[in-house]
Amino acid sequence: MPKNKRRGIIAAAIGNGIFGFSFLFSRIALTSATPFVMLMYRFLAAFALLTLVALWAAMRKRQGWLRFRLGWQGMGWLLLLGLFQPVCYFLCESYGISLTNATFSGVIIALIPIAALAFGAVFLREKPRPAQVGFALLSIAGVVVMTLRQSAQGTVEPLGVVLLLGAVASAVVFNLMSRRLSGQFSALERTWVMMLVGAAVFTGLALWETRCDIYLLTAPLAESSFVAAILYLAGLSSVVAFLMLNYANTELPVAQATVFCNLTTVISLLAGVIFLGEPFGWVQLVASAVIVIGIWGVQRQPVQQEESI
């Protein structure tokens, strides 16, 4: 296996592994703040941290995935990338989950890899082999089985279905655009603009949500649990994870990069078992193994590239 592909696989695994714990820390943060206030602090902190990294990279004239020499050319595409991820994805996923039950939302979100595989074949000419399609479906089946084991309450509103499909579309477009822009912009440059867009949009939404009430905006900072959760969500789940995803999209075809998002389900389950004492039985164990086997199978054969990106 080429070294760059191996690094891309490791980056995709690390990024999605970090996302697996983000649900736990988001839950902690949301006990002290509203969703938009939590997202405001998450992306403001992430943008500040990544700006320091970018300044260091620029002064040291780093190359490769840490190159940082942004100009105006192509900035519109980067801003659009940031609009799809994190803004559109987070909004659609959050409200979509609130208008459906856990089982339905889990199954819909699990469709991201197969949707990305299909659109990657159409728009990037990355043709997956039949075995890779089969392994991708196997990984999705593991997520579906694991999700169906959850006790789901609540109705499924039509608007919730539309929003969840919007989340899937946003994730797919993000991966396609990140892959397409990887030849022009480094992983650091793409991630920095994403954090900039997220910080700007979610700060505006938080100000609107709280009517610029200073107490509502600052009260969560008095809670040590909130601050700790934001440090994880900003430093690891935003900066490191999205850097890893953008790097993976540089080195891997979309089909091989996106299938790792199902690993998030496994890590999230383990986090709930370890830290929240949630039940773990043989069904979850088998489903987790199926997900991992599916991810492994997708990486086994190279995607057929019809034309260079």
Protein backbone atom coordinates (compact mmCIF):
# COMPACT_ATOMS: atom_id res chain seq x y z
CA MET A 1 0.00 0.00 0.00
CA PRO A 2 1.43 3.44 -0.91
CA LYS A 3 2.55 5.53 2.05
CA ASN A 4 0.24 8.45 1.23
CA LYS A 5 -2.79 6.15 1.09
CA ARG A 6 -1.84 4.55 4.41
CA ARG A 7 -1.57 8.00 5.96
CA GLY A 8 -4.95 8.96 4.51
CA ILE A 9 -6.56 5.86 6.04
CA ILE A 10 -5.01 6.63 9.43
CA ALA A 11 -6.20 10.26 9.19
CA ALA A 12 -9.77 9.20 8.31
CA ALA A 13 -9.82 6.75 11.23
CA ILE A 14 -8.49 9.36 13.68
CA GLY A 15 -10.90 12.06 12.53
CA ASN A 16 -14.01 9.90 12.71
CA GLY A 17 -12.81 8.32 15.96
CA ILE A 18 -12.66 11.79 17.51
CA PHE A 19 -16.16 12.53 16.22
CA GLY A 20 -17.37 9.44 18.07
CA PHE A 21 -16.70 11.11 21.41
CA SER A 22 -18.13 14.48 20.33
CA PHE A 23 -21.70 13.34 21.04
CA LEU A 24 -20.78 12.72 24.67
CA PHE A 25 -19.11 16.14 25.08
CA SER A 26 -21.92 17.91 23.20
CA ARG A 27 -24.38 16.41 25.66
CA ILE A 28 -22.30 17.77 28.54
CA ALA A 29 -22.05 21.23 26.99
CA LEU A 30 -25.78 21.39 26.25
CA THR A 31 -26.61 21.03 29.94
CA SER A 32 -25.21 24.56 30.42
CA ALA A 33 -25.92 26.33 27.11
CA THR A 34 -28.34 26.47 24.22
CA PRO A 35 -27.27 24.75 20.98
CA PHE A 36 -26.30 27.95 19.17
CA VAL A 37 -24.34 29.32 22.14
CA MET A 38 -22.51 26.00 22.43
CA LEU A 39 -21.70 26.02 18.71
CA MET A 40 -20.60 29.66 18.90
CA TYR A 41 -17.99 28.91 21.56
CA ARG A 42 -16.96 25.70 19.83
CA PHE A 43 -16.15 27.34 16.52
CA LEU A 44 -14.82 30.61 17.92
CA ALA A 45 -12.33 28.63 19.99
CA ALA A 46 -11.54 26.35 17.04
CA PHE A 47 -10.97 29.33 14.74
CA ALA A 48 -8.70 31.04 17.28
CA LEU A 49 -6.66 27.87 17.79
CA LEU A 50 -6.39 27.12 14.08
CA THR A 51 -5.38 30.72 13.35
CA LEU A 52 -2.39 30.25 15.66
CA VAL A 53 -1.50 27.06 13.77
CA ALA A 54 -1.90 28.88 10.45
CA LEU A 55 0.35 31.76 11.55
CA TRP A 56 2.99 29.27 12.66
CA ALA A 57 2.72 27.36 9.37
CA ALA A 58 2.97 30.59 7.34
CA MET A 59 6.01 31.88 9.25
CA ARG A 60 7.77 28.52 8.97
CA LYS A 61 6.78 28.27 5.28
CA ARG A 62 5.43 24.80 5.76
CA GLN A 63 4.52 22.75 2.69
CA GLY A 64 2.15 19.89 1.98
CA TRP A 65 -1.01 19.57 4.06
CA LEU A 66 0.14 22.30 6.48
CA ARG A 67 0.84 24.89 3.77
CA PHE A 68 -0.90 28.21 4.48
CA ARG A 69 -0.75 30.80 1.72
CA LEU A 70 -4.35 31.78 1.18
CA GLY A 71 -5.25 34.36 -1.47
CA TRP A 72 -8.48 35.63 -2.94
CA GLN A 73 -8.41 33.27 -5.91
CA GLY A 74 -10.78 30.40 -5.29
CA MET A 75 -11.94 31.80 -1.94
CA GLY A 76 -15.58 31.64 -3.05
CA TRP A 77 -15.35 27.85 -3.34
CA LEU A 78 -13.77 27.60 0.11
CA LEU A 79 -16.52 29.73 1.64
CA LEU A 80 -19.08 27.47 -0.01
CA LEU A 81 -17.26 24.47 1.45
CA GLY A 82 -17.57 26.02 4.92
CA LEU A 83 -21.24 26.71 4.32
CA PHE A 84 -21.96 23.03 3.69
CA GLN A 85 -19.71 21.83 6.53
CA PRO A 86 -20.07 22.73 9.35
CA VAL A 87 -23.01 25.15 8.93
CA CYS A 88 -25.62 23.32 6.82
CA TYR A 89 -24.72 19.90 8.16
CA PHE A 90 -24.93 20.90 11.82
CA LEU A 91 -28.20 22.79 11.36
CA CYS A 92 -29.88 20.05 9.34
CA GLU A 93 -28.67 17.24 11.60
CA SER A 94 -29.58 18.99 14.86
CA TYR A 95 -33.10 20.00 13.86
CA GLY A 96 -33.65 16.80 11.89
CA ILE A 97 -32.88 14.68 14.96
CA SER A 98 -35.21 16.83 17.08
CA LEU A 99 -38.09 16.20 14.65
CA THR A 100 -37.57 12.43 14.32
CA ASN A 101 -36.66 9.56 16.61
CA ALA A 102 -33.18 8.18 17.26
CA THR A 103 -33.68 5.05 15.16
CA PHE A 104 -34.83 6.85 12.04
CA SER A 105 -32.19 9.58 12.25
CA GLY A 106 -29.41 7.03 12.84
CA VAL A 107 -30.41 5.02 9.77
CA ILE A 108 -30.63 8.10 7.52
CA ILE A 109 -27.24 9.50 8.62
CA ALA A 110 -25.71 6.07 7.97
CA LEU A 111 -26.49 6.54 4.28
CA ILE A 112 -23.71 9.14 3.89
CA PRO A 113 -21.00 6.66 2.70
CA ILE A 114 -23.10 5.03 0.01
CA ALA A 115 -24.42 8.40 -1.19
CA ALA A 116 -20.86 9.76 -1.33
CA LEU A 117 -19.75 6.66 -3.21
CA ALA A 118 -22.47 7.16 -5.83
CA PHE A 119 -21.88 10.89 -6.29
CA GLY A 120 -18.10 10.40 -6.32
CA ALA A 121 -18.55 8.03 -9.25
CA VAL A 122 -20.67 10.58 -11.12
CA PHE A 123 -18.87 13.86 -10.42
CA LEU A 124 -15.28 12.78 -9.74
CA ARG A 125 -15.16 9.74 -12.04
CA GLU A 126 -14.07 7.57 -9.11
CA LYS A 127 -15.63 4.23 -10.02
CA PRO A 128 -15.87 1.82 -7.05
CA ARG A 129 -15.42 -1.88 -7.64
CA PRO A 130 -18.43 -4.15 -6.98
CA ALA A 131 -16.73 -5.62 -3.90
CA GLN A 132 -16.27 -2.13 -2.46
CA VAL A 133 -19.96 -1.36 -2.93
CA GLY A 134 -20.80 -4.61 -1.14
CA PHE A 135 -18.50 -3.85 1.79
CA ALA A 136 -19.86 -0.29 2.03
CA LEU A 137 -23.40 -1.69 2.24
CA LEU A 138 -22.19 -4.20 4.85
CA SER A 139 -20.84 -1.38 6.99
CA ILE A 140 -24.13 0.52 6.66
CA ALA A 141 -26.03 -2.65 7.63
CA GLY A 142 -24.00 -2.81 10.83
CA VAL A 143 -24.97 0.77 11.67
CA VAL A 144 -28.64 0.06 10.92
CA VAL A 145 -28.69 -3.03 13.16
CA MET A 146 -26.99 -1.13 15.97
CA THR A 147 -29.39 1.79 15.59
CA LEU A 148 -32.47 -0.42 15.59
CA ARG A 149 -31.42 -1.75 19.01
CA GLN A 150 -31.99 1.70 20.48
CA SER A 151 -35.26 2.39 22.21
CA ALA A 152 -36.75 5.08 19.98
CA GLN A 153 -39.57 7.32 21.14
CA GLY A 154 -41.26 10.15 19.30
CA THR A 155 -42.81 10.62 15.90
CA VAL A 156 -41.14 11.17 12.56
CA GLU A 157 -42.12 14.56 11.18
CA PRO A 158 -41.89 15.11 7.39
CA LEU A 159 -39.77 18.22 7.94
CA GLY A 160 -37.38 16.14 10.04
CA VAL A 161 -36.97 13.69 7.15
CA VAL A 162 -36.19 16.56 4.76
CA LEU A 163 -33.64 18.04 7.18
CA LEU A 164 -31.88 14.71 7.73
CA LEU A 165 -31.64 14.21 3.99
CA GLY A 166 -30.22 17.74 3.89
CA ALA A 167 -27.59 16.66 6.41
CA VAL A 168 -26.67 13.68 4.23
CA ALA A 169 -26.46 15.92 1.16
CA SER A 170 -24.32 18.47 3.04
CA ALA A 171 -21.88 15.78 4.17
CA VAL A 172 -21.64 14.34 0.66
CA VAL A 173 -21.09 17.75 -0.96
CA PHE A 174 -18.44 18.58 1.65
CA ASN A 175 -16.46 15.44 0.87
CA LEU A 176 -16.77 15.94 -2.89
CA MET A 177 -15.73 19.60 -2.69
CA SER A 178 -12.89 18.91 -0.28
CA ARG A 179 -11.58 16.22 -2.62
CA ARG A 180 -11.95 18.49 -5.65
CA LEU A 181 -10.27 21.47 -3.95
CA SER A 182 -7.40 19.39 -2.53
CA GLY A 183 -5.28 20.10 -5.58
CA GLN A 184 -5.54 23.85 -5.05
CA PHE A 185 -5.76 24.27 -1.27
CA SER A 186 -4.01 22.42 1.54
CA ALA A 187 -5.90 20.62 4.32
CA LEU A 188 -4.98 23.46 6.70
CA GLU A 189 -6.29 26.15 4.33
CA ARG A 190 -9.58 24.32 3.78
CA THR A 191 -10.08 23.67 7.49
CA TRP A 192 -9.22 27.28 8.47
CA VAL A 193 -11.90 28.69 6.17
CA MET A 194 -14.41 26.12 7.46
CA MET A 195 -13.77 27.23 11.05
CA LEU A 196 -14.03 30.89 9.99
CA VAL A 197 -17.42 30.35 8.38
CA GLY A 198 -18.65 28.26 11.33
CA ALA A 199 -17.53 30.88 13.87
CA ALA A 200 -19.17 33.74 11.94
CA VAL A 201 -22.50 32.03 11.26
CA PHE A 202 -22.99 30.41 14.67
CA THR A 203 -21.98 33.59 16.51
CA GLY A 204 -24.65 35.45 14.55
CA LEU A 205 -27.22 32.75 15.33
CA ALA A 206 -26.29 32.77 19.04
CA LEU A 207 -26.70 36.55 19.20
CA TRP A 208 -30.08 36.23 17.51
CA GLU A 209 -31.17 33.35 19.74
CA THR A 210 -30.25 35.17 22.99
CA ARG A 211 -31.30 38.64 21.75
CA CYS A 212 -27.73 39.71 22.60
CA ASP A 213 -28.35 38.99 26.30
CA ILE A 214 -24.88 39.14 27.87
CA TYR A 215 -25.86 36.89 30.78
CA LEU A 216 -27.17 34.10 28.51
CA LEU A 217 -24.03 34.37 26.39
CA THR A 218 -21.51 34.33 29.23
CA ALA A 219 -23.20 32.26 31.98
CA PRO A 220 -22.04 28.89 30.57
CA LEU A 221 -18.40 29.94 30.98
CA ALA A 222 -18.85 29.74 34.76
CA GLU A 223 -19.38 25.97 34.47
CA SER A 224 -16.12 24.02 34.43
CA SER A 225 -17.83 21.08 32.71
CA PHE A 226 -18.92 23.36 29.86
CA VAL A 227 -15.41 24.78 29.42
CA ALA A 228 -13.89 21.29 29.41
CA ALA A 229 -16.44 20.08 26.85
CA ILE A 230 -15.78 23.09 24.60
CA LEU A 231 -12.02 22.46 24.77
CA TYR A 232 -12.60 18.95 23.43
CA LEU A 233 -15.17 20.01 20.83
CA ALA A 234 -13.00 22.90 19.59
CA GLY A 235 -9.50 21.49 19.88
CA LEU A 236 -10.07 17.88 18.92
CA SER A 237 -13.52 17.51 17.36
CA SER A 238 -13.20 20.63 15.19
CA VAL A 239 -9.53 21.44 14.58
CA VAL A 240 -7.89 18.00 14.62
CA ALA A 241 -10.83 15.97 13.27
CA PHE A 242 -11.59 18.26 10.33
CA LEU A 243 -7.90 18.59 9.53
CA MET A 244 -7.72 14.80 9.40
CA LEU A 245 -10.83 14.57 7.22
CA ASN A 246 -9.55 17.16 4.77
CA TYR A 247 -6.18 15.40 4.65
CA ALA A 248 -7.92 12.06 4.06
CA ASN A 249 -9.91 13.61 1.22
CA THR A 250 -6.61 14.72 -0.30
CA GLU A 251 -5.11 11.23 -0.31
CA LEU A 252 -8.13 8.92 -0.68
CA PRO A 253 -11.00 8.60 -3.15
CA VAL A 254 -14.30 9.74 -1.66
CA ALA A 255 -15.62 6.16 -1.32
CA GLN A 256 -12.67 5.13 0.84
CA ALA A 257 -12.62 8.32 2.94
CA THR A 258 -16.34 8.56 3.75
CA VAL A 259 -16.89 4.93 4.76
CA PHE A 260 -14.99 5.73 7.96
CA CYS A 261 -17.88 7.90 9.15
CA ASN A 262 -19.60 4.68 10.24
CA LEU A 263 -16.72 4.21 12.68
CA THR A 264 -18.20 7.19 14.55
CA THR A 265 -21.18 5.01 15.50
CA VAL A 266 -18.93 2.35 17.03
CA ILE A 267 -16.87 4.87 19.01
CA SER A 268 -20.00 6.70 20.17
CA LEU A 269 -21.43 3.40 21.42
CA LEU A 270 -18.23 2.56 23.30
CA ALA A 271 -18.14 6.06 24.84
CA GLY A 272 -21.69 5.59 26.13
CA VAL A 273 -20.83 2.18 27.57
CA ILE A 274 -17.61 3.34 29.24
CA PHE A 275 -18.64 6.76 30.55
CA LEU A 276 -22.44 6.56 30.87
CA GLY A 277 -22.90 2.90 31.75
CA GLU A 278 -25.13 2.24 28.76
CA PRO A 279 -25.88 -1.45 27.95
CA PHE A 280 -23.67 -3.42 25.57
CA GLY A 281 -24.73 -6.86 24.34
CA TRP A 282 -23.79 -9.40 21.71
CA VAL A 283 -25.88 -7.65 19.04
CA GLN A 284 -23.89 -4.44 19.46
CA LEU A 285 -20.67 -6.46 19.44
CA VAL A 286 -21.54 -8.25 16.18
CA ALA A 287 -22.79 -5.01 14.58
CA SER A 288 -19.55 -3.24 15.54
CA ALA A 289 -17.51 -6.07 13.99
CA VAL A 290 -19.60 -5.89 10.81
CA ILE A 291 -18.98 -2.13 10.55
CA VAL A 292 -15.23 -2.56 10.95
CA ILE A 293 -15.14 -5.42 8.41
CA GLY A 294 -17.08 -3.27 5.95
CA ILE A 295 -14.62 -0.39 6.37
CA TRP A 296 -11.67 -2.78 5.94
CA GLY A 297 -13.19 -4.28 2.81
CA VAL A 298 -13.66 -0.91 1.11
CA GLN A 299 -9.94 -0.18 1.56
CA ARG A 300 -8.80 -3.51 0.13
CA GLN A 301 -9.00 -2.57 -3.55
CA PRO A 302 -8.18 0.71 -5.29
CA VAL A 303 -11.00 2.78 -6.71
CA GLN A 304 -10.90 2.93 -10.50
CA GLN A 305 -10.00 6.50 -11.48
CA GLU A 306 -11.33 7.37 -14.95
CA GLU A 307 -9.69 10.77 -15.08
CA SER A 308 -7.45 12.80 -12.77
CA ILE A 309 -8.97 15.36 -10.48
